[in-house]
């Protein structure tokens, strides 16, 4: 509600506060959905390596994504990431 009815500064603050939380939740939910659907549907046709990757990502992926998302709120780290991306172009 704040994102739709507040002024520009309020919307920016609400999005910068809630955005990482929503991304983390969506990431974790997607991984759980893929893992559970694999179990429920007994997908034997999936590549064994892909099944292993999903299982490992369930444990390793969300913490790495959380660290990256919340780490980007730190200004020096954000500037360093942007500089690194600009050099690769």
N, C-alpha and C. Protein backbone atom coordinates (compact mmCIF):
# COMPACT_ATOMS: atom_id res chain seq x y z
N UNK A 1 0.83 -1.20 0.00
CA UNK A 1 0.00 0.00 0.00
C UNK A 1 0.87 1.26 0.00
N UNK A 2 1.96 1.22 0.74
CA UNK A 2 2.84 2.39 0.82
C UNK A 2 3.45 2.67 -0.54
N UNK A 3 3.78 1.63 -1.29
CA UNK A 3 4.40 1.82 -2.60
C UNK A 3 3.47 2.52 -3.59
N UNK A 4 2.18 2.32 -3.43
CA UNK A 4 1.24 2.91 -4.38
C UNK A 4 0.72 4.28 -3.96
N UNK A 5 0.68 4.57 -2.66
CA UNK A 5 0.03 5.79 -2.21
C UNK A 5 0.98 6.84 -1.63
N UNK A 6 2.22 6.51 -1.40
CA UNK A 6 3.15 7.47 -0.82
C UNK A 6 3.79 8.35 -1.88
N UNK A 7 4.57 9.31 -1.43
CA UNK A 7 5.30 10.14 -2.38
C UNK A 7 6.52 9.36 -2.90
N UNK A 8 7.28 9.96 -3.75
CA UNK A 8 8.39 9.26 -4.40
C UNK A 8 9.44 8.77 -3.41
N UNK A 9 9.77 9.59 -2.43
CA UNK A 9 10.78 9.19 -1.44
C UNK A 9 10.27 8.04 -0.58
N UNK A 10 9.00 8.07 -0.22
CA UNK A 10 8.42 6.99 0.58
C UNK A 10 8.37 5.70 -0.20
N UNK A 11 7.99 5.77 -1.47
CA UNK A 11 7.95 4.58 -2.31
C UNK A 11 9.34 3.99 -2.47
N UNK A 12 10.35 4.83 -2.67
CA UNK A 12 11.72 4.36 -2.82
C UNK A 12 12.19 3.67 -1.54
N UNK A 13 11.91 4.26 -0.40
CA UNK A 13 12.31 3.67 0.88
C UNK A 13 11.61 2.33 1.12
N UNK A 14 10.32 2.27 0.83
CA UNK A 14 9.56 1.03 1.02
C UNK A 14 10.08 -0.06 0.10
N UNK A 15 10.37 0.29 -1.15
CA UNK A 15 10.87 -0.70 -2.09
C UNK A 15 12.28 -1.16 -1.73
N UNK A 16 13.11 -0.25 -1.28
CA UNK A 16 14.47 -0.64 -0.90
C UNK A 16 14.49 -1.48 0.37
N UNK A 17 13.47 -1.31 1.21
CA UNK A 17 13.38 -2.11 2.43
C UNK A 17 12.76 -3.48 2.15
N UNK A 18 11.68 -3.51 1.39
CA UNK A 18 10.94 -4.76 1.17
C UNK A 18 11.47 -5.56 -0.02
N UNK A 19 12.13 -4.91 -0.96
CA UNK A 19 12.59 -5.59 -2.17
C UNK A 19 13.49 -6.78 -1.91
N UNK A 20 14.54 -6.63 -1.11
CA UNK A 20 15.39 -7.79 -0.82
C UNK A 20 14.66 -8.91 -0.10
N UNK A 21 13.74 -8.55 0.79
CA UNK A 21 12.97 -9.58 1.48
C UNK A 21 12.12 -10.37 0.49
N UNK A 22 11.48 -9.67 -0.42
CA UNK A 22 10.64 -10.34 -1.41
C UNK A 22 11.46 -11.21 -2.35
N UNK A 23 12.62 -10.72 -2.77
CA UNK A 23 13.49 -11.51 -3.65
C UNK A 23 13.97 -12.77 -2.95
N UNK A 24 14.35 -12.66 -1.69
CA UNK A 24 14.79 -13.82 -0.93
C UNK A 24 13.66 -14.83 -0.77
N UNK A 25 12.48 -14.34 -0.45
CA UNK A 25 11.33 -15.22 -0.28
C UNK A 25 10.97 -15.92 -1.58
N UNK A 26 10.96 -15.18 -2.69
CA UNK A 26 10.66 -15.79 -3.98
C UNK A 26 11.72 -16.81 -4.39
N UNK A 27 12.97 -16.50 -4.15
CA UNK A 27 14.05 -17.42 -4.47
C UNK A 27 13.91 -18.72 -3.69
N UNK A 28 13.71 -18.62 -2.39
CA UNK A 28 13.58 -19.79 -1.55
C UNK A 28 12.31 -20.57 -1.91
N UNK A 29 11.22 -19.88 -2.17
CA UNK A 29 9.97 -20.54 -2.55
C UNK A 29 10.09 -21.28 -3.87
N UNK A 30 10.77 -20.70 -4.83
CA UNK A 30 10.97 -21.36 -6.12
C UNK A 30 11.79 -22.63 -5.96
N UNK A 31 12.85 -22.56 -5.17
CA UNK A 31 13.70 -23.73 -4.96
C UNK A 31 12.91 -24.83 -4.24
N UNK A 32 12.15 -24.45 -3.23
CA UNK A 32 11.34 -25.45 -2.53
C UNK A 32 10.29 -26.06 -3.44
N UNK A 33 9.66 -25.24 -4.27
CA UNK A 33 8.67 -25.76 -5.21
C UNK A 33 9.29 -26.76 -6.18
N UNK A 34 10.45 -26.42 -6.73
CA UNK A 34 11.11 -27.34 -7.66
C UNK A 34 11.52 -28.64 -6.97
N UNK A 35 12.02 -28.54 -5.76
CA UNK A 35 12.45 -29.73 -5.02
C UNK A 35 11.25 -30.62 -4.68
N UNK A 36 10.17 -30.01 -4.20
CA UNK A 36 8.99 -30.80 -3.82
C UNK A 36 8.29 -31.38 -5.04
N UNK A 37 8.22 -30.63 -6.14
CA UNK A 37 7.58 -31.17 -7.34
C UNK A 37 8.40 -32.32 -7.90
N UNK A 38 9.69 -32.24 -7.76
CA UNK A 38 10.55 -33.35 -8.20
C UNK A 38 10.25 -34.60 -7.37
N UNK A 39 10.06 -34.44 -6.09
CA UNK A 39 9.76 -35.58 -5.21
C UNK A 39 8.36 -36.12 -5.46
N UNK A 40 7.37 -35.23 -5.53
CA UNK A 40 5.98 -35.65 -5.66
C UNK A 40 5.72 -36.32 -7.01
N UNK A 41 6.28 -35.75 -8.06
CA UNK A 41 6.03 -36.29 -9.39
C UNK A 41 6.98 -37.44 -9.74
N UNK A 42 7.94 -37.68 -8.89
CA UNK A 42 8.93 -38.73 -9.09
C UNK A 42 9.53 -38.64 -10.49
N UNK A 43 10.12 -37.51 -10.75
CA UNK A 43 10.66 -37.24 -12.08
C UNK A 43 11.98 -37.99 -12.28
N UNK A 44 11.88 -39.18 -12.75
CA UNK A 44 13.07 -39.99 -13.01
C UNK A 44 13.73 -39.59 -14.33
N UNK A 45 12.97 -38.91 -15.18
CA UNK A 45 13.51 -38.54 -16.49
C UNK A 45 14.48 -37.37 -16.43
N UNK A 46 14.51 -36.65 -15.30
CA UNK A 46 15.45 -35.55 -15.17
C UNK A 46 16.88 -36.07 -15.08
N UNK A 47 17.76 -35.31 -15.64
CA UNK A 47 19.18 -35.64 -15.58
C UNK A 47 19.62 -35.73 -14.12
N UNK A 48 20.42 -36.73 -13.79
CA UNK A 48 20.88 -36.92 -12.41
C UNK A 48 21.70 -35.72 -11.92
N UNK A 49 22.47 -35.13 -12.80
CA UNK A 49 23.25 -33.95 -12.45
C UNK A 49 22.36 -32.77 -12.11
N UNK A 50 21.25 -32.62 -12.85
CA UNK A 50 20.31 -31.53 -12.58
C UNK A 50 19.62 -31.74 -11.24
N UNK A 51 19.26 -32.99 -10.94
CA UNK A 51 18.66 -33.30 -9.64
C UNK A 51 19.63 -32.96 -8.50
N UNK A 52 20.89 -33.29 -8.69
CA UNK A 52 21.90 -32.99 -7.68
C UNK A 52 22.08 -31.49 -7.52
N UNK A 53 22.10 -30.78 -8.65
CA UNK A 53 22.23 -29.32 -8.62
C UNK A 53 21.09 -28.67 -7.86
N UNK A 54 19.86 -29.14 -8.08
CA UNK A 54 18.71 -28.59 -7.35
C UNK A 54 18.84 -28.85 -5.85
N UNK A 55 19.28 -30.04 -5.49
CA UNK A 55 19.42 -30.37 -4.07
C UNK A 55 20.50 -29.53 -3.40
N UNK A 56 21.60 -29.33 -4.09
CA UNK A 56 22.68 -28.52 -3.52
C UNK A 56 22.27 -27.06 -3.46
N UNK A 57 21.57 -26.59 -4.49
CA UNK A 57 21.14 -25.20 -4.51
C UNK A 57 20.16 -24.89 -3.38
N UNK A 58 19.36 -25.86 -2.99
CA UNK A 58 18.42 -25.67 -1.90
C UNK A 58 19.15 -25.29 -0.61
N UNK A 59 20.33 -25.86 -0.42
CA UNK A 59 21.09 -25.59 0.80
C UNK A 59 22.01 -24.38 0.65
N UNK A 60 22.62 -24.22 -0.53
CA UNK A 60 23.65 -23.20 -0.72
C UNK A 60 23.11 -21.91 -1.34
N UNK A 61 22.15 -22.02 -2.22
CA UNK A 61 21.67 -20.88 -2.99
C UNK A 61 21.05 -19.75 -2.21
N UNK A 62 20.01 -20.01 -1.41
CA UNK A 62 19.37 -18.90 -0.68
C UNK A 62 20.32 -18.12 0.23
N UNK A 63 21.21 -18.76 0.99
CA UNK A 63 22.13 -17.94 1.81
C UNK A 63 23.05 -17.06 0.97
N UNK A 64 23.50 -17.56 -0.17
CA UNK A 64 24.37 -16.75 -1.03
C UNK A 64 23.58 -15.57 -1.60
N UNK A 65 22.35 -15.84 -2.06
CA UNK A 65 21.52 -14.76 -2.60
C UNK A 65 21.20 -13.73 -1.52
N UNK A 66 20.91 -14.18 -0.30
CA UNK A 66 20.64 -13.24 0.79
C UNK A 66 21.84 -12.36 1.05
N UNK A 67 23.02 -12.96 1.10
CA UNK A 67 24.23 -12.17 1.35
C UNK A 67 24.45 -11.15 0.24
N UNK A 68 24.21 -11.56 -1.00
CA UNK A 68 24.39 -10.63 -2.12
C UNK A 68 23.36 -9.51 -2.08
N UNK A 69 22.10 -9.85 -1.84
CA UNK A 69 21.04 -8.83 -1.81
C UNK A 69 21.25 -7.81 -0.69
N UNK A 70 21.52 -8.30 0.50
CA UNK A 70 21.68 -7.39 1.63
C UNK A 70 23.04 -6.70 1.61
N UNK A 71 24.02 -7.32 0.99
CA UNK A 71 25.33 -6.70 0.87
C UNK A 71 25.33 -5.52 -0.08
N UNK A 72 24.40 -5.52 -1.04
CA UNK A 72 24.33 -4.41 -1.99
C UNK A 72 23.79 -3.13 -1.36
N UNK A 73 23.28 -3.22 -0.13
CA UNK A 73 22.87 -2.00 0.57
C UNK A 73 24.06 -1.23 1.10
N UNK A 74 25.21 -1.85 1.16
CA UNK A 74 26.43 -1.19 1.62
C UNK A 74 27.02 -0.44 0.43
N UNK A 75 27.09 0.86 0.53
CA UNK A 75 27.48 1.71 -0.60
C UNK A 75 28.83 1.35 -1.23
N UNK A 76 29.90 1.18 -0.45
CA UNK A 76 31.18 0.85 -1.09
C UNK A 76 31.14 -0.48 -1.85
N UNK A 77 30.42 -1.44 -1.32
CA UNK A 77 30.29 -2.73 -2.00
C UNK A 77 29.48 -2.59 -3.28
N UNK A 78 28.42 -1.80 -3.23
CA UNK A 78 27.60 -1.58 -4.42
C UNK A 78 28.40 -0.88 -5.52
N UNK A 79 29.19 0.13 -5.14
CA UNK A 79 30.03 0.83 -6.12
C UNK A 79 31.06 -0.11 -6.73
N UNK A 80 31.65 -0.96 -5.92
CA UNK A 80 32.65 -1.91 -6.43
C UNK A 80 32.01 -2.89 -7.42
N UNK A 81 30.80 -3.34 -7.13
CA UNK A 81 30.11 -4.25 -8.05
C UNK A 81 29.80 -3.57 -9.37
N UNK A 82 29.30 -2.32 -9.31
CA UNK A 82 29.00 -1.58 -10.54
C UNK A 82 30.27 -1.35 -11.36
N UNK A 83 31.36 -1.01 -10.70
CA UNK A 83 32.63 -0.81 -11.40
C UNK A 83 33.08 -2.09 -12.08
N UNK A 84 32.92 -3.20 -11.40
CA UNK A 84 33.30 -4.49 -11.96
C UNK A 84 32.45 -4.83 -13.18
N UNK A 85 31.17 -4.56 -13.11
CA UNK A 85 30.29 -4.82 -14.24
C UNK A 85 30.58 -3.91 -15.43
N UNK A 86 30.92 -2.65 -15.15
CA UNK A 86 31.22 -1.71 -16.24
C UNK A 86 32.49 -2.10 -16.99
N UNK A 87 33.48 -2.64 -16.30
CA UNK A 87 34.72 -3.05 -16.95
C UNK A 87 34.52 -4.21 -17.91
N UNK A 88 33.57 -5.06 -17.63
CA UNK A 88 33.35 -6.24 -18.48
C UNK A 88 32.64 -5.91 -19.77
N UNK A 89 32.02 -4.78 -19.89
CA UNK A 89 31.28 -4.43 -21.11
C UNK A 89 32.17 -4.00 -22.18
